[in-house]
Amino acid sequence: MSNSIKTIGLKEAISIGIGGMVGGGIFAVLGLAVSLAKGGTPIAFLIAGIIALLTSYSYVKLTKKFPDRGGTVRFINEGFGKTIFSGSINNLLWVSYIIMLSLYASAFGSYAQNLLPLVNKTIDFHIYASAIIILATAINYYSIKVVSKIESYSVIIKLIILLGFVGVGIYGLGGNPHLEQLQVTNWETPLQLLTGGMVIFVAYEGFELIANAAPDIKDPDKNISKAYFYSVIFVILLYIIIAIVTVGSLSFETIKKAEEYVLAEAAKPVLGQVGFTVITIAAMISTFSAINASLYGGSRVSYEIAEDDELPHSLTDSFWNHPIGLLITAILNLILTNTLNLESISTAGSIGFLLIFATVNFVGFKLSNKINGSKFIHIIGFLFCLIASITLITQQFKDNFIGVVISVTIIASCLLGEFIYKTYFDHQNSKKINNR
């Protein structure tokens, strides 16, 4: 593709990265992070952010060398070929997209039930979470242009509201009796801080969407690296400040009680009910736009994987002029959202993306000479992701056994499913060759 028809400048590329990260994750997992890390929540977000920043280095190098709309799928196949392992990781990527969708839908349901109560909290959650998935699916089928417009406007709206929340929140911290909760004496243990950071790692995963837009980015040699690093660093700082404002504004008891909609609750001390309502609306806009964009992204991932013969080729078929993967993604999203709790969804999503990012970092290390990368940074990123995922699994084993079982089952299913499919696929090819 020539530079003359490339359409994405640096600002737009940064917006893709920021929009992918500040989609709905922070609204969904902030309360969970505080429950796990207490006063050390800003440190938990910093730890997760450092791992995201290290991984973004591998994405920069791989994106420059292999600019492709397949993004992560392309990188993993470049590193390992089209093998059972690469197919398993790519399948895990698709499933992790579906898990992220469930996280966003859960957040939407949690915030919406407080703004517009219908029956009771439990029923309202399921009504709103299911309705938003169905609506977003319908919009995706209606027009991808509409999805794009919603995403572009929502990025601006949610950043303005979040930055406003930060400004007002910092102003309101002066003299707040809960500010002492940020003292080191109120931090959890280092291991618990790491676990807290890893459970909410899903709040950072969206930067990889820049890779999918790489073929359309102007002046890629300069802008790709800036887009990744600027967006990740900006979001790290934003999350840390939001965590400081939240922990400094509310008691741990209040945060625990309002865990699933804590960002709205944190606006109350300064702005009262108006602040609660504004942040709730921002959360609903953000999670809705994230569902919209991720539904499309998830369906594209399944299409790319099927095109590479790592999933049945029937997934390249269309249903209502869209890949069949869009419908499957939506149905699986509905099931997960209505059966799992927030912590289990967040744990499964974080484990999935940590393993995917560990693989991408290892590909960077493996191809470092080819992509002109630093072996040291790539391997550090790989080790951090691997250690973090192992720590998360072991720590959550006693506190969130169901979440760990679901995560391990998903990983095993991706591996087993790919093994069965590859074995069958190779067998069918052999039969075709022998019958010629």
Protein backbone atom coordinates (compact mmCIF):
# COMPACT_ATOMS: atom_id res chain seq x y z
CA MET A 1 0.00 0.00 0.00
CA SER A 2 1.47 3.38 -0.95
CA ASN A 3 1.81 6.25 1.49
CA SER A 4 -0.60 8.36 -0.61
CA ILE A 5 -3.65 6.27 0.30
CA LYS A 6 -2.80 5.70 3.96
CA THR A 7 -5.43 7.39 6.10
CA ILE A 8 -4.42 7.06 9.78
CA GLY A 9 -2.20 9.78 11.22
CA LEU A 10 -0.39 9.77 14.58
CA LYS A 11 -3.34 11.28 16.52
CA GLU A 12 -5.76 8.74 15.10
CA ALA A 13 -3.36 5.85 15.82
CA ILE A 14 -2.92 7.02 19.42
CA SER A 15 -6.71 7.28 19.70
CA ILE A 16 -7.04 3.65 18.59
CA GLY A 17 -4.64 2.58 21.35
CA ILE A 18 -6.23 4.72 24.05
CA GLY A 19 -9.75 3.82 22.92
CA GLY A 20 -8.89 0.12 23.02
CA MET A 21 -7.55 0.35 26.57
CA VAL A 22 -9.97 2.88 28.07
CA GLY A 23 -12.88 0.97 26.58
CA GLY A 24 -14.74 -0.41 29.52
CA GLY A 25 -12.06 -2.16 31.55
CA ILE A 26 -11.39 0.65 34.05
CA PHE A 27 -15.11 1.02 34.75
CA ALA A 28 -15.43 -2.72 35.34
CA VAL A 29 -12.32 -3.63 37.33
CA LEU A 30 -11.41 -0.59 39.44
CA GLY A 31 -13.44 -1.75 42.45
CA LEU A 32 -12.05 -5.27 42.11
CA ALA A 33 -8.48 -3.87 42.08
CA VAL A 34 -9.09 -1.92 45.30
CA SER A 35 -10.59 -5.00 46.98
CA LEU A 36 -7.40 -6.93 46.18
CA ALA A 37 -4.69 -4.26 46.62
CA LYS A 38 -6.31 -1.80 49.08
CA GLY A 39 -4.14 1.35 49.44
CA GLY A 40 -1.60 -0.07 47.00
CA THR A 41 -4.08 0.01 44.08
CA PRO A 42 -2.09 2.71 42.19
CA ILE A 43 0.97 0.43 42.45
CA ALA A 44 -1.07 -2.52 41.14
CA PHE A 45 -2.04 -0.46 38.09
CA LEU A 46 1.60 0.60 37.66
CA ILE A 47 2.80 -3.02 37.73
CA ALA A 48 0.23 -4.04 35.11
CA GLY A 49 1.15 -0.96 33.07
CA ILE A 50 4.87 -1.79 33.07
CA ILE A 51 4.10 -5.25 31.66
CA ALA A 52 1.88 -3.64 29.00
CA LEU A 53 4.67 -1.15 28.14
CA LEU A 54 7.29 -3.91 27.80
CA THR A 55 4.93 -5.89 25.59
CA SER A 56 4.19 -2.83 23.47
CA TYR A 57 7.91 -2.80 22.54
CA SER A 58 7.52 -6.24 20.95
CA TYR A 59 4.37 -5.04 19.18
CA VAL A 60 6.22 -2.00 17.81
CA LYS A 61 9.00 -4.10 16.30
CA LEU A 62 6.66 -6.79 14.94
CA THR A 63 4.12 -4.28 13.59
CA LYS A 64 6.82 -2.41 11.66
CA LYS A 65 8.16 -5.64 10.14
CA PHE A 66 4.79 -7.32 9.51
CA PRO A 67 2.12 -4.63 9.01
CA ASP A 68 -1.01 -6.70 8.61
CA ARG A 69 -4.68 -6.44 9.58
CA GLY A 70 -4.28 -9.86 11.19
CA GLY A 71 -2.14 -8.15 13.86
CA THR A 72 -1.42 -10.57 16.69
CA VAL A 73 -2.51 -13.59 14.63
CA ARG A 74 0.06 -12.72 11.95
CA PHE A 75 2.85 -12.22 14.52
CA ILE A 76 2.27 -15.58 16.20
CA ASN A 77 2.17 -17.38 12.85
CA GLU A 78 5.40 -15.65 11.79
CA GLY A 79 7.09 -16.88 14.96
CA PHE A 80 5.81 -20.45 15.11
CA GLY A 81 4.39 -21.22 11.67
CA LYS A 82 0.91 -22.65 11.31
CA THR A 83 1.29 -25.27 14.01
CA ILE A 84 -0.94 -26.70 16.73
CA PHE A 85 0.66 -24.32 19.23
CA SER A 86 0.17 -21.16 17.15
CA GLY A 87 -3.38 -22.23 16.32
CA SER A 88 -4.11 -22.76 20.02
CA ILE A 89 -2.82 -19.31 20.97
CA ASN A 90 -4.75 -17.68 18.15
CA ASN A 91 -7.91 -19.50 19.23
CA LEU A 92 -7.23 -18.28 22.78
CA LEU A 93 -7.07 -14.75 21.36
CA TRP A 94 -10.58 -15.12 19.93
CA VAL A 95 -11.92 -16.55 23.19
CA SER A 96 -10.19 -13.75 25.13
CA TYR A 97 -11.99 -11.21 22.95
CA ILE A 98 -15.27 -12.88 23.89
CA ILE A 99 -14.29 -12.75 27.58
CA MET A 100 -13.50 -9.05 27.23
CA LEU A 101 -16.91 -8.51 25.69
CA SER A 102 -18.45 -10.19 28.72
CA LEU A 103 -16.47 -7.89 31.00
CA TYR A 104 -17.76 -4.83 29.16
CA ALA A 105 -21.34 -6.13 29.12
CA SER A 106 -21.14 -6.90 32.86
CA ALA A 107 -19.90 -3.37 33.54
CA PHE A 108 -22.71 -1.90 31.43
CA GLY A 109 -25.29 -3.96 33.31
CA SER A 110 -23.85 -2.97 36.71
CA TYR A 111 -23.89 0.77 35.95
CA ALA A 112 -27.24 0.78 34.08
CA GLN A 113 -29.11 -0.95 36.90
CA ASN A 114 -28.19 1.93 39.23
CA LEU A 115 -29.25 4.63 36.79
CA LEU A 116 -32.51 3.08 35.60
CA PRO A 117 -33.78 0.40 38.04
CA LEU A 118 -36.52 -1.88 36.69
CA VAL A 119 -37.27 -4.94 38.85
CA ASN A 120 -34.39 -5.72 41.22
CA LYS A 121 -30.60 -5.54 40.93
CA THR A 122 -30.08 -9.16 39.87
CA ILE A 123 -32.76 -9.24 37.19
CA ASP A 124 -31.93 -5.69 36.02
CA PHE A 125 -28.27 -6.67 35.54
CA HIS A 126 -29.17 -9.58 33.25
CA ILE A 127 -31.71 -7.49 31.31
CA TYR A 128 -29.31 -4.62 30.64
CA ALA A 129 -26.22 -6.75 30.00
CA SER A 130 -28.08 -9.00 27.54
CA ALA A 131 -29.88 -6.11 25.83
CA ILE A 132 -26.67 -4.20 25.13
CA ILE A 133 -25.04 -7.27 23.56
CA ILE A 134 -28.07 -7.79 21.30
CA LEU A 135 -28.19 -4.09 20.37
CA ALA A 136 -24.46 -3.95 19.57
CA THR A 137 -24.75 -7.12 17.46
CA ALA A 138 -27.64 -5.58 15.51
CA ILE A 139 -25.61 -2.39 14.91
CA ASN A 140 -22.64 -4.46 13.69
CA TYR A 141 -24.90 -6.26 11.22
CA TYR A 142 -26.52 -2.99 10.14
CA SER A 143 -23.38 -0.98 9.37
CA ILE A 144 -19.68 -1.09 10.21
CA LYS A 145 -19.58 2.67 9.49
CA VAL A 146 -21.98 3.23 12.40
CA VAL A 147 -19.70 1.16 14.66
CA SER A 148 -16.74 3.31 13.61
CA LYS A 149 -18.62 6.58 14.25
CA ILE A 150 -19.79 5.43 17.69
CA GLU A 151 -16.23 4.50 18.63
CA SER A 152 -14.69 7.77 17.42
CA TYR A 153 -17.21 9.95 19.30
CA SER A 154 -17.16 7.82 22.45
CA VAL A 155 -13.35 8.06 22.78
CA ILE A 156 -13.63 11.84 22.99
CA ILE A 157 -16.62 11.77 25.38
CA LYS A 158 -15.16 9.28 27.83
CA LEU A 159 -11.74 10.97 27.92
CA ILE A 160 -13.29 14.38 28.60
CA ILE A 161 -15.43 12.92 31.42
CA LEU A 162 -12.58 10.86 32.90
CA LEU A 163 -10.16 13.80 32.81
CA GLY A 164 -12.87 15.94 34.36
CA PHE A 165 -13.33 13.29 37.07
CA VAL A 166 -9.57 13.34 37.72
CA GLY A 167 -9.48 17.15 37.95
CA VAL A 168 -12.46 17.41 40.28
CA GLY A 169 -11.32 14.37 42.26
CA ILE A 170 -7.85 15.81 42.91
CA TYR A 171 -9.43 19.09 44.00
CA GLY A 172 -11.69 17.20 46.39
CA LEU A 173 -8.88 15.18 47.98
CA GLY A 174 -7.71 18.09 50.12
CA GLY A 175 -8.68 17.35 53.71
CA ASN A 176 -10.49 14.11 52.79
CA PRO A 177 -10.22 11.74 55.80
CA HIS A 178 -9.85 8.73 53.47
CA LEU A 179 -6.62 10.07 51.96
CA GLU A 180 -4.63 8.19 54.62
CA GLN A 181 -5.78 4.92 53.03
CA LEU A 182 -3.06 5.49 50.41
CA GLN A 183 -0.31 5.18 53.04
CA VAL A 184 2.08 2.23 52.72
CA THR A 185 0.67 0.74 55.94
CA ASN A 186 -2.61 0.17 54.06
CA TRP A 187 -0.99 -1.59 51.11
CA GLU A 188 -1.40 -5.32 50.67
CA THR A 189 1.67 -7.59 50.44
CA PRO A 190 3.87 -7.30 47.32
CA LEU A 191 2.51 -10.64 46.08
CA GLN A 192 -1.06 -9.45 46.56
CA LEU A 193 -0.25 -6.19 44.76
CA LEU A 194 1.08 -8.21 41.83
CA THR A 195 -2.05 -10.38 41.87
CA GLY A 196 -4.27 -7.30 42.00
CA GLY A 197 -2.41 -5.80 39.05
CA MET A 198 -2.74 -9.00 37.05
CA VAL A 199 -6.44 -9.53 37.72
CA ILE A 200 -7.11 -6.08 36.26
CA PHE A 201 -4.54 -6.45 33.45
CA VAL A 202 -7.47 -6.65 31.02
CA ALA A 203 -7.79 -2.86 31.44
CA TYR A 204 -4.58 -2.51 29.37
CA GLU A 205 -5.01 -5.12 26.65
CA GLY A 206 -6.48 -2.87 23.95
CA PHE A 207 -3.20 -1.32 22.73
CA GLU A 208 -2.71 -4.29 20.41
CA LEU A 209 -5.51 -2.94 18.18
CA ILE A 210 -2.94 -0.55 16.72
CA ALA A 211 -1.37 -3.57 14.99
CA ASN A 212 -4.59 -4.27 13.08
CA ALA A 213 -4.59 -0.70 11.74
CA ALA A 214 -0.88 -0.77 10.78
CA PRO A 215 -1.33 -1.04 6.98
CA ASP A 216 -3.20 2.29 7.02
CA ILE A 217 -0.87 4.28 9.31
CA LYS A 218 0.99 7.20 7.69
CA ASP A 219 4.79 7.36 8.07
CA PRO A 220 4.85 3.99 9.91
CA ASP A 221 8.56 4.12 10.83
CA LYS A 222 7.91 7.08 13.13
CA ASN A 223 4.23 6.88 13.98
CA ILE A 224 3.85 3.21 14.92
CA SER A 225 6.31 3.37 17.81
CA LYS A 226 4.92 6.72 19.01
CA ALA A 227 1.35 5.44 18.83
CA TYR A 228 2.09 2.42 21.03
CA PHE A 229 4.29 4.13 23.60
CA TYR A 230 2.33 7.39 23.91
CA SER A 231 -1.01 5.60 24.29
CA VAL A 232 0.25 3.08 26.87
CA ILE A 233 2.11 5.70 28.95
CA PHE A 234 -0.90 8.04 28.88
CA VAL A 235 -3.24 5.26 30.07
CA ILE A 236 -0.82 4.17 32.81
CA LEU A 237 -0.78 7.71 34.21
CA LEU A 238 -4.56 8.06 33.82
CA TYR A 239 -5.27 4.79 35.66
CA ILE A 240 -2.83 5.59 38.49
CA ILE A 241 -4.42 9.00 39.07
CA ILE A 242 -7.95 7.52 38.91
CA ALA A 243 -6.89 4.88 41.47
CA ILE A 244 -5.45 7.58 43.76
CA VAL A 245 -8.61 9.68 43.55
CA THR A 246 -10.88 6.68 44.18
CA VAL A 247 -8.95 5.26 47.16
CA GLY A 248 -8.50 8.76 48.59
CA SER A 249 -12.19 9.65 48.25
CA LEU A 250 -14.05 6.59 49.59
CA SER A 251 -13.65 4.20 52.50
CA PHE A 252 -12.63 0.63 51.68
CA GLU A 253 -16.06 -0.49 52.95
CA THR A 254 -17.87 1.83 50.52
CA ILE A 255 -15.63 0.72 47.65
CA LYS A 256 -16.35 -2.94 48.43
CA LYS A 257 -20.09 -2.30 48.58
CA ALA A 258 -20.05 -0.42 45.25
CA GLU A 259 -17.34 -2.63 43.69
CA GLU A 260 -18.99 -3.00 40.29
CA TYR A 261 -19.78 0.72 39.84
CA VAL A 262 -17.16 2.32 42.10
CA LEU A 263 -16.03 5.03 39.67
CA ALA A 264 -19.51 6.58 39.78
CA GLU A 265 -19.55 6.30 43.57
CA ALA A 266 -16.17 8.07 43.75
CA ALA A 267 -17.67 11.14 42.05
CA LYS A 268 -20.21 11.60 44.86
CA PRO A 269 -18.06 13.20 47.59
CA VAL A 270 -17.43 16.32 45.48
CA LEU A 271 -20.24 16.38 42.89
CA GLY A 272 -23.00 14.48 44.72
CA GLN A 273 -25.71 12.66 42.74
CA VAL A 274 -24.97 14.71 39.62
CA GLY A 275 -21.40 13.37 39.58
CA PHE A 276 -22.67 9.82 40.12
CA THR A 277 -25.06 10.19 37.18
CA VAL A 278 -22.49 11.75 34.83
CA ILE A 279 -19.89 9.04 35.49
CA THR A 280 -22.57 6.34 35.17
CA ILE A 281 -23.55 7.68 31.75
CA ALA A 282 -19.85 7.86 30.76
CA ALA A 283 -19.41 4.24 31.83
CA MET A 284 -22.42 3.17 29.78
CA ILE A 285 -21.18 5.04 26.70
CA SER A 286 -17.66 3.60 27.10
CA THR A 287 -18.73 0.01 27.63
CA PHE A 288 -21.28 0.20 24.81
CA SER A 289 -18.66 1.50 22.35
CA ALA A 290 -16.18 -1.14 23.56
CA ILE A 291 -18.74 -3.90 22.97
CA ASN A 292 -19.43 -2.51 19.50
CA ALA A 293 -15.76 -2.39 18.52
CA SER A 294 -14.81 -5.70 20.16
CA LEU A 295 -17.66 -7.59 18.50
CA TYR A 296 -16.30 -6.54 15.13
CA GLY A 297 -12.71 -7.23 16.22
CA GLY A 298 -13.62 -10.66 17.57
CA SER A 299 -15.38 -11.66 14.37
CA ARG A 300 -12.36 -10.50 12.33
CA VAL A 301 -9.99 -12.54 14.52
CA SER A 302 -12.06 -15.71 13.98
CA TYR A 303 -12.10 -14.99 10.23
CA GLU A 304 -8.31 -14.49 10.09
CA ILE A 305 -7.70 -17.70 12.06
CA ALA A 306 -10.05 -19.69 9.82
CA GLU A 307 -8.35 -18.25 6.72
CA ASP A 308 -5.05 -19.60 8.08
CA ASP A 309 -6.68 -23.04 8.51
CA GLU A 310 -6.38 -22.93 12.30
CA LEU A 311 -10.16 -23.09 12.69
CA PRO A 312 -12.74 -24.72 10.38
CA HIS A 313 -12.86 -22.90 7.05
CA SER A 314 -16.62 -22.53 7.42
CA LEU A 315 -15.88 -19.59 9.75
CA THR A 316 -14.93 -17.60 6.64
CA ASP A 317 -18.54 -18.00 5.45
CA SER A 318 -20.92 -15.07 5.71
CA PHE A 319 -24.18 -14.70 7.60
CA TRP A 320 -26.08 -11.53 6.65
CA ASN A 321 -22.99 -10.26 4.80
CA HIS A 322 -20.74 -10.62 7.86
CA PRO A 323 -18.40 -13.43 8.94
CA ILE A 324 -20.32 -16.13 10.81
CA GLY A 325 -17.87 -15.50 13.68
CA LEU A 326 -19.81 -12.32 14.57
CA LEU A 327 -22.93 -14.32 15.44
CA ILE A 328 -20.96 -17.01 17.30
CA THR A 329 -19.04 -14.33 19.25
CA ALA A 330 -22.31 -12.64 20.26
CA ILE A 331 -23.97 -15.89 21.38
CA LEU A 332 -20.94 -16.99 23.45
CA ASN A 333 -20.77 -13.49 24.92
CA LEU A 334 -24.40 -13.74 26.07
CA ILE A 335 -23.71 -17.10 27.73
CA LEU A 336 -20.57 -15.97 29.59
CA THR A 337 -22.07 -12.65 30.73
CA ASN A 338 -25.11 -14.34 32.24
CA THR A 339 -23.28 -17.20 33.95
CA LEU A 340 -19.97 -15.84 35.37
CA ASN A 341 -19.27 -13.22 38.03
CA LEU A 342 -17.06 -10.19 37.41
CA GLU A 343 -13.93 -11.56 39.12
CA SER A 344 -14.06 -14.84 37.20
CA ILE A 345 -14.49 -12.98 33.90
CA SER A 346 -11.63 -10.59 34.72
CA THR A 347 -9.33 -13.41 35.86
CA ALA A 348 -10.00 -15.50 32.74
CA GLY A 349 -9.47 -12.49 30.46
CA SER A 350 -6.25 -11.44 32.18
CA ILE A 351 -4.77 -14.95 32.11
CA GLY A 352 -5.67 -15.29 28.44
CA PHE A 353 -4.06 -12.00 27.40
CA LEU A 354 -1.00 -12.50 29.61
CA LEU A 355 -0.32 -15.82 27.86
CA ILE A 356 -0.96 -14.28 24.44
CA PHE A 357 1.38 -11.36 25.21
CA ALA A 358 3.99 -13.76 26.61
CA THR A 359 3.87 -15.56 23.26
CA VAL A 360 4.17 -12.30 21.28
CA ASN A 361 7.16 -11.25 23.42
CA PHE A 362 8.78 -14.63 22.78
CA VAL A 363 8.20 -14.21 19.04
CA GLY A 364 9.93 -10.83 19.32
CA PHE A 365 12.87 -12.53 21.06
CA LYS A 366 12.94 -15.35 18.50
CA LEU A 367 12.86 -12.96 15.53
CA SER A 368 14.88 -10.16 17.17
CA ASN A 369 17.56 -10.13 14.47
CA LYS A 370 14.95 -10.02 11.73
CA ILE A 371 12.91 -7.22 13.34
CA ASN A 372 15.90 -5.28 14.71
CA GLY A 373 14.74 -5.69 18.31
CA SER A 374 16.50 -5.96 21.65
CA LYS A 375 16.66 -9.59 22.79
CA PHE A 376 16.91 -8.40 26.40
CA ILE A 377 13.68 -6.32 26.32
CA HIS A 378 11.78 -9.04 24.47
CA ILE A 379 12.81 -11.78 26.92
CA ILE A 380 12.12 -9.54 29.96
CA GLY A 381 8.64 -8.90 28.58
CA PHE A 382 8.14 -12.63 28.05
CA LEU A 383 9.31 -13.53 31.57
CA PHE A 384 7.20 -10.80 33.20
CA CYS A 385 4.06 -11.98 31.39
CA LEU A 386 4.78 -15.64 32.19
CA ILE A 387 5.57 -15.01 35.88
CA ALA A 388 2.53 -12.74 36.19
CA SER A 389 0.18 -15.35 34.69
CA ILE A 390 1.57 -18.12 36.93
CA THR A 391 1.28 -15.85 39.99
CA LEU A 392 -2.28 -14.96 39.08
CA ILE A 393 -3.29 -18.61 38.66
CA THR A 394 -1.70 -19.74 41.93
CA GLN A 395 -2.96 -16.79 44.00
CA GLN A 396 -6.49 -16.96 42.62
CA PHE A 397 -6.64 -20.73 43.09
CA LYS A 398 -7.79 -20.38 46.71
CA ASP A 399 -9.69 -17.07 46.42
CA ASN A 400 -11.37 -17.56 43.05
CA PHE A 401 -11.24 -21.28 42.33
CA ILE A 402 -14.05 -21.14 39.76
CA GLY A 403 -12.27 -18.40 37.79
CA VAL A 404 -9.05 -20.43 37.66
CA VAL A 405 -10.88 -23.61 36.62
CA ILE A 406 -12.64 -21.71 33.84
CA SER A 407 -9.33 -20.18 32.68
CA VAL A 408 -7.46 -23.50 32.65
CA THR A 409 -10.41 -25.20 30.92
CA ILE A 410 -10.44 -22.54 28.19
CA ILE A 411 -6.69 -22.89 27.59
CA ALA A 412 -6.91 -26.70 27.53
CA SER A 413 -9.93 -26.57 25.20
CA CYS A 414 -8.09 -24.29 22.76
CA LEU A 415 -5.13 -26.68 22.72
CA LEU A 416 -7.22 -29.84 22.44
CA GLY A 417 -9.57 -28.34 19.87
CA GLU A 418 -6.68 -27.21 17.67
CA PHE A 419 -5.00 -30.63 17.99
CA ILE A 420 -8.18 -32.41 16.92
CA TYR A 421 -8.83 -29.98 14.08
CA LYS A 422 -5.24 -30.04 12.79
CA THR A 423 -5.18 -33.85 12.95
CA TYR A 424 -8.49 -34.02 11.06
CA PHE A 425 -7.45 -31.31 8.59
CA ASP A 426 -4.13 -33.03 7.79
CA HIS A 427 -5.96 -36.36 7.42
CA GLN A 428 -8.47 -34.84 4.97
CA ASN A 429 -5.67 -33.26 2.93
CA SER A 430 -3.82 -36.56 2.76
CA LYS A 431 -6.98 -38.27 1.50
CA LYS A 432 -7.45 -35.62 -1.21
CA ILE A 433 -3.84 -36.02 -2.38
CA ASN A 434 -4.09 -39.82 -2.43
CA ASN A 435 -7.36 -39.74 -4.37
CA ARG A 436 -5.92 -37.61 -7.20
